[in-house]
Amino acid sequence: MSRSLLLALGATGLALAAAAPVQAADVRPADVQPVTTCGAWALQAGLGTQVCATVTGNTVSFAGTVGLAGPPSPGTQLQPQQLDTALTAQLADGTSLDGLHQGVLFRAANVQVGPLTVTAPCGSTVHASFAVNAYPWVGAPVGVDVSISC
């Protein structure tokens, strides 16, 4: 074979290889990433409170946080406070999913209550509320709503 014929065949072979369909790689759906949503901070028993929800698929994990509502005045001695907390979850139609009642001792550092983990049907909305009571104050629950899209 002549040198030019070999070059022509080689070029044709490269062109055909480039035009051949590429095999698709084994594509797996990405793992479901958790999404966290928090409600607004609000005062209960003179303290800042908030509830957050972390949704992964059709599982929701709720946690309540209690913290100082603001910086203490200079020289203020903060006394430990006994708190009664209630973290509850329910479907939008009012069906109760679960609840967590816990006594905690608040000592000026943020305290987390939970997690409360529930499973909900796809397409539903789940509401959580977090109430903090400390004598003589009664809690005014904070809440968060999340949609379960699956």
C-alpha atoms as a PDB file:
ATOM      1  CA  MET A   1       0.000   0.000   0.000  1.00  0.00           C
ATOM      2  CA  SER A   2       1.111   3.451  -0.680  1.00  0.00           C
ATOM      3  CA  ARG A   3       1.791   5.888   2.029  1.00  0.00           C
ATOM      4  CA  SER A   4      -1.033   8.245   0.966  1.00  0.00           C
ATOM      5  CA  LEU A   5      -3.535   5.374   0.926  1.00  0.00           C
ATOM      6  CA  LEU A   6      -2.560   4.402   4.492  1.00  0.00           C
ATOM      7  CA  LEU A   7      -2.954   8.008   5.631  1.00  0.00           C
ATOM      8  CA  ALA A   8      -6.378   8.233   3.962  1.00  0.00           C
ATOM      9  CA  LEU A   9      -7.564   4.985   5.591  1.00  0.00           C
ATOM     10  CA  GLY A  10      -6.276   6.132   8.981  1.00  0.00           C
ATOM     11  CA  ALA A  11      -8.056   9.464   8.691  1.00  0.00           C
ATOM     12  CA  THR A  12     -11.295   7.732   7.639  1.00  0.00           C
ATOM     13  CA  GLY A  13     -11.038   5.355  10.605  1.00  0.00           C
ATOM     14  CA  LEU A  14     -10.585   8.260  13.027  1.00  0.00           C
ATOM     15  CA  ALA A  15     -13.562  10.076  11.542  1.00  0.00           C
ATOM     16  CA  LEU A  16     -15.758   6.975  11.861  1.00  0.00           C
ATOM     17  CA  ALA A  17     -14.656   6.420  15.477  1.00  0.00           C
ATOM     18  CA  ALA A  18     -15.507   9.999  16.347  1.00  0.00           C
ATOM     19  CA  ALA A  19     -18.962   9.661  14.768  1.00  0.00           C
ATOM     20  CA  ALA A  20     -19.819   6.409  16.582  1.00  0.00           C
ATOM     21  CA  PRO A  21     -22.437   6.739  19.328  1.00  0.00           C
ATOM     22  CA  VAL A  22     -21.035   7.027  22.805  1.00  0.00           C
ATOM     23  CA  GLN A  23     -22.303   4.535  25.374  1.00  0.00           C
ATOM     24  CA  ALA A  24     -24.211   6.271  28.172  1.00  0.00           C
ATOM     25  CA  ALA A  25     -22.613   5.946  31.569  1.00  0.00           C
ATOM     26  CA  ASP A  26     -24.567   4.319  34.396  1.00  0.00           C
ATOM     27  CA  VAL A  27     -26.389   7.374  35.742  1.00  0.00           C
ATOM     28  CA  ARG A  28     -27.865   7.051  39.223  1.00  0.00           C
ATOM     29  CA  PRO A  29     -30.237   9.599  40.700  1.00  0.00           C
ATOM     30  CA  ALA A  30     -28.475  11.911  43.120  1.00  0.00           C
ATOM     31  CA  ASP A  31     -28.977  11.178  46.776  1.00  0.00           C
ATOM     32  CA  VAL A  32     -31.747  13.226  48.315  1.00  0.00           C
ATOM     33  CA  GLN A  33     -30.160  16.189  50.062  1.00  0.00           C
ATOM     34  CA  PRO A  34     -31.727  17.406  53.326  1.00  0.00           C
ATOM     35  CA  VAL A  35     -33.397  20.815  53.253  1.00  0.00           C
ATOM     36  CA  THR A  36     -33.654  22.834  56.482  1.00  0.00           C
ATOM     37  CA  THR A  37     -36.349  25.449  57.074  1.00  0.00           C
ATOM     38  CA  CYS A  38     -36.676  27.532  60.240  1.00  0.00           C
ATOM     39  CA  GLY A  39     -39.546  29.550  61.620  1.00  0.00           C
ATOM     40  CA  ALA A  40     -39.101  33.071  62.964  1.00  0.00           C
ATOM     41  CA  TRP A  41     -37.588  33.750  66.384  1.00  0.00           C
ATOM     42  CA  ALA A  42     -40.151  34.823  68.997  1.00  0.00           C
ATOM     43  CA  LEU A  43     -40.231  35.493  72.729  1.00  0.00           C
ATOM     44  CA  GLN A  44     -41.502  32.890  75.181  1.00  0.00           C
ATOM     45  CA  ALA A  45     -40.911  33.048  78.934  1.00  0.00           C
ATOM     46  CA  GLY A  46     -38.621  36.033  78.312  1.00  0.00           C
ATOM     47  CA  LEU A  47     -36.347  33.977  76.038  1.00  0.00           C
ATOM     48  CA  GLY A  48     -35.845  33.764  72.282  1.00  0.00           C
ATOM     49  CA  THR A  49     -37.291  30.598  70.751  1.00  0.00           C
ATOM     50  CA  GLN A  50     -37.298  29.065  67.275  1.00  0.00           C
ATOM     51  CA  VAL A  51     -38.223  25.756  65.646  1.00  0.00           C
ATOM     52  CA  CYS A  52     -36.514  24.290  62.564  1.00  0.00           C
ATOM     53  CA  ALA A  53     -37.367  21.369  60.270  1.00  0.00           C
ATOM     54  CA  THR A  54     -34.979  19.275  58.188  1.00  0.00           C
ATOM     55  CA  VAL A  55     -36.721  17.386  55.381  1.00  0.00           C
ATOM     56  CA  THR A  56     -35.123  14.354  53.712  1.00  0.00           C
ATOM     57  CA  GLY A  57     -37.511  12.556  51.369  1.00  0.00           C
ATOM     58  CA  ASN A  58     -40.656  11.971  53.421  1.00  0.00           C
ATOM     59  CA  THR A  59     -38.872  12.153  56.791  1.00  0.00           C
ATOM     60  CA  VAL A  60     -38.860  15.371  58.801  1.00  0.00           C
ATOM     61  CA  SER A  61     -36.671  16.054  61.810  1.00  0.00           C
ATOM     62  CA  PHE A  62     -37.727  18.969  64.036  1.00  0.00           C
ATOM     63  CA  ALA A  63     -35.652  20.761  66.670  1.00  0.00           C
ATOM     64  CA  GLY A  64     -36.472  23.693  68.915  1.00  0.00           C
ATOM     65  CA  THR A  65     -33.914  26.203  70.151  1.00  0.00           C
ATOM     66  CA  VAL A  66     -34.058  28.374  73.277  1.00  0.00           C
ATOM     67  CA  GLY A  67     -31.627  31.253  73.695  1.00  0.00           C
ATOM     68  CA  LEU A  68     -31.224  34.687  75.172  1.00  0.00           C
ATOM     69  CA  ALA A  69     -33.472  37.266  73.537  1.00  0.00           C
ATOM     70  CA  GLY A  70     -30.555  39.698  73.501  1.00  0.00           C
ATOM     71  CA  PRO A  71     -27.290  40.399  75.259  1.00  0.00           C
ATOM     72  CA  PRO A  72     -27.563  40.708  79.049  1.00  0.00           C
ATOM     73  CA  SER A  73     -26.903  44.062  80.658  1.00  0.00           C
ATOM     74  CA  PRO A  74     -23.334  44.468  81.930  1.00  0.00           C
ATOM     75  CA  GLY A  75     -22.939  43.072  85.439  1.00  0.00           C
ATOM     76  CA  THR A  76     -26.172  41.068  85.283  1.00  0.00           C
ATOM     77  CA  GLN A  77     -26.045  37.696  87.030  1.00  0.00           C
ATOM     78  CA  LEU A  78     -28.123  35.265  85.016  1.00  0.00           C
ATOM     79  CA  GLN A  79     -29.873  32.656  87.122  1.00  0.00           C
ATOM     80  CA  PRO A  80     -30.551  29.175  85.731  1.00  0.00           C
ATOM     81  CA  GLN A  81     -34.163  28.795  84.647  1.00  0.00           C
ATOM     82  CA  GLN A  82     -36.157  25.546  84.685  1.00  0.00           C
ATOM     83  CA  LEU A  83     -38.149  25.291  81.462  1.00  0.00           C
ATOM     84  CA  ASP A  84     -40.906  22.932  80.396  1.00  0.00           C
ATOM     85  CA  THR A  85     -40.798  22.492  76.611  1.00  0.00           C
ATOM     86  CA  ALA A  86     -43.190  20.850  74.160  1.00  0.00           C
ATOM     87  CA  LEU A  87     -42.241  20.083  70.559  1.00  0.00           C
ATOM     88  CA  THR A  88     -45.141  18.664  68.519  1.00  0.00           C
ATOM     89  CA  ALA A  89     -45.723  17.716  64.877  1.00  0.00           C
ATOM     90  CA  GLN A  90     -48.979  17.304  62.992  1.00  0.00           C
ATOM     91  CA  LEU A  91     -50.270  17.129  59.448  1.00  0.00           C
ATOM     92  CA  ALA A  92     -52.038  20.188  58.041  1.00  0.00           C
ATOM     93  CA  ASP A  93     -55.383  18.392  58.475  1.00  0.00           C
ATOM     94  CA  GLY A  94     -54.748  18.230  62.248  1.00  0.00           C
ATOM     95  CA  THR A  95     -53.629  14.593  62.462  1.00  0.00           C
ATOM     96  CA  SER A  96     -51.042  14.352  65.230  1.00  0.00           C
ATOM     97  CA  LEU A  97     -47.762  12.719  64.228  1.00  0.00           C
ATOM     98  CA  ASP A  98     -45.761  12.834  67.466  1.00  0.00           C
ATOM     99  CA  GLY A  99     -44.699  14.977  70.382  1.00  0.00           C
ATOM    100  CA  LEU A 100     -41.758  15.472  72.696  1.00  0.00           C
ATOM    101  CA  HIS A 101     -42.157  17.006  76.162  1.00  0.00           C
ATOM    102  CA  GLN A 102     -38.932  17.735  77.971  1.00  0.00           C
ATOM    103  CA  GLY A 103     -37.783  19.694  80.989  1.00  0.00           C
ATOM    104  CA  VAL A 104     -34.549  21.619  80.419  1.00  0.00           C
ATOM    105  CA  LEU A 105     -32.351  23.827  82.563  1.00  0.00           C
ATOM    106  CA  PHE A 106     -31.468  27.049  80.744  1.00  0.00           C
ATOM    107  CA  ARG A 107     -28.148  28.617  81.798  1.00  0.00           C
ATOM    108  CA  ALA A 108     -27.729  31.489  79.269  1.00  0.00           C
ATOM    109  CA  ALA A 109     -26.286  29.279  76.492  1.00  0.00           C
ATOM    110  CA  ASN A 110     -28.528  28.118  73.650  1.00  0.00           C
ATOM    111  CA  VAL A 111     -30.360  24.872  74.405  1.00  0.00           C
ATOM    112  CA  GLN A 112     -31.632  22.575  71.683  1.00  0.00           C
ATOM    113  CA  VAL A 113     -34.714  20.411  72.222  1.00  0.00           C
ATOM    114  CA  GLY A 114     -35.189  17.407  69.973  1.00  0.00           C
ATOM    115  CA  PRO A 115     -34.881  16.046  67.479  1.00  0.00           C
ATOM    116  CA  LEU A 116     -38.432  14.898  66.918  1.00  0.00           C
ATOM    117  CA  THR A 117     -38.396  12.783  63.751  1.00  0.00           C
ATOM    118  CA  VAL A 118     -41.593  11.880  61.883  1.00  0.00           C
ATOM    119  CA  THR A 119     -42.545  10.324  58.566  1.00  0.00           C
ATOM    120  CA  ALA A 120     -45.276  11.943  56.489  1.00  0.00           C
ATOM    121  CA  PRO A 121     -47.049  11.045  53.243  1.00  0.00           C
ATOM    122  CA  CYS A 122     -45.732  12.554  50.010  1.00  0.00           C
ATOM    123  CA  GLY A 123     -47.622  15.706  49.056  1.00  0.00           C
ATOM    124  CA  SER A 124     -48.555  16.562  52.634  1.00  0.00           C
ATOM    125  CA  THR A 125     -47.740  19.606  54.736  1.00  0.00           C
ATOM    126  CA  VAL A 126     -46.357  19.091  58.226  1.00  0.00           C
ATOM    127  CA  HIS A 127     -46.620  21.715  60.971  1.00  0.00           C
ATOM    128  CA  ALA A 128     -44.442  21.751  64.083  1.00  0.00           C
ATOM    129  CA  SER A 129     -44.874  23.924  67.129  1.00  0.00           C
ATOM    130  CA  PHE A 130     -42.455  24.571  69.960  1.00  0.00           C
ATOM    131  CA  ALA A 131     -43.733  25.883  73.296  1.00  0.00           C
ATOM    132  CA  VAL A 132     -41.623  26.975  76.259  1.00  0.00           C
ATOM    133  CA  ASN A 133     -43.167  27.450  79.708  1.00  0.00           C
ATOM    134  CA  ALA A 134     -41.428  28.829  82.793  1.00  0.00           C
ATOM    135  CA  TYR A 135     -43.348  29.765  85.893  1.00  0.00           C
ATOM    136  CA  PRO A 136     -45.227  32.132  85.871  1.00  0.00           C
ATOM    137  CA  TRP A 137     -45.185  32.446  82.049  1.00  0.00           C
ATOM    138  CA  VAL A 138     -47.184  30.253  79.710  1.00  0.00           C
ATOM    139  CA  GLY A 139     -45.712  29.564  76.278  1.00  0.00           C
ATOM    140  CA  ALA A 140     -46.895  31.127  73.042  1.00  0.00           C
ATOM    141  CA  PRO A 141     -45.686  28.438  70.608  1.00  0.00           C
ATOM    142  CA  VAL A 142     -43.526  29.235  67.602  1.00  0.00           C
ATOM    143  CA  GLY A 143     -44.050  27.148  64.494  1.00  0.00           C
ATOM    144  CA  VAL A 144     -42.819  26.073  61.092  1.00  0.00           C
ATOM    145  CA  ASP A 145     -44.593  24.432  58.141  1.00  0.00           C
ATOM    146  CA  VAL A 146     -42.871  22.243  55.561  1.00  0.00           C
ATOM    147  CA  SER A 147     -44.114  20.513  52.424  1.00  0.00           C
ATOM    148  CA  ILE A 148     -43.228  16.901  51.741  1.00  0.00           C
ATOM    149  CA  SER A 149     -42.662  16.672  48.005  1.00  0.00           C
ATOM    150  CA  CYS A 150     -40.734  13.359  47.828  1.00  0.00           C
END
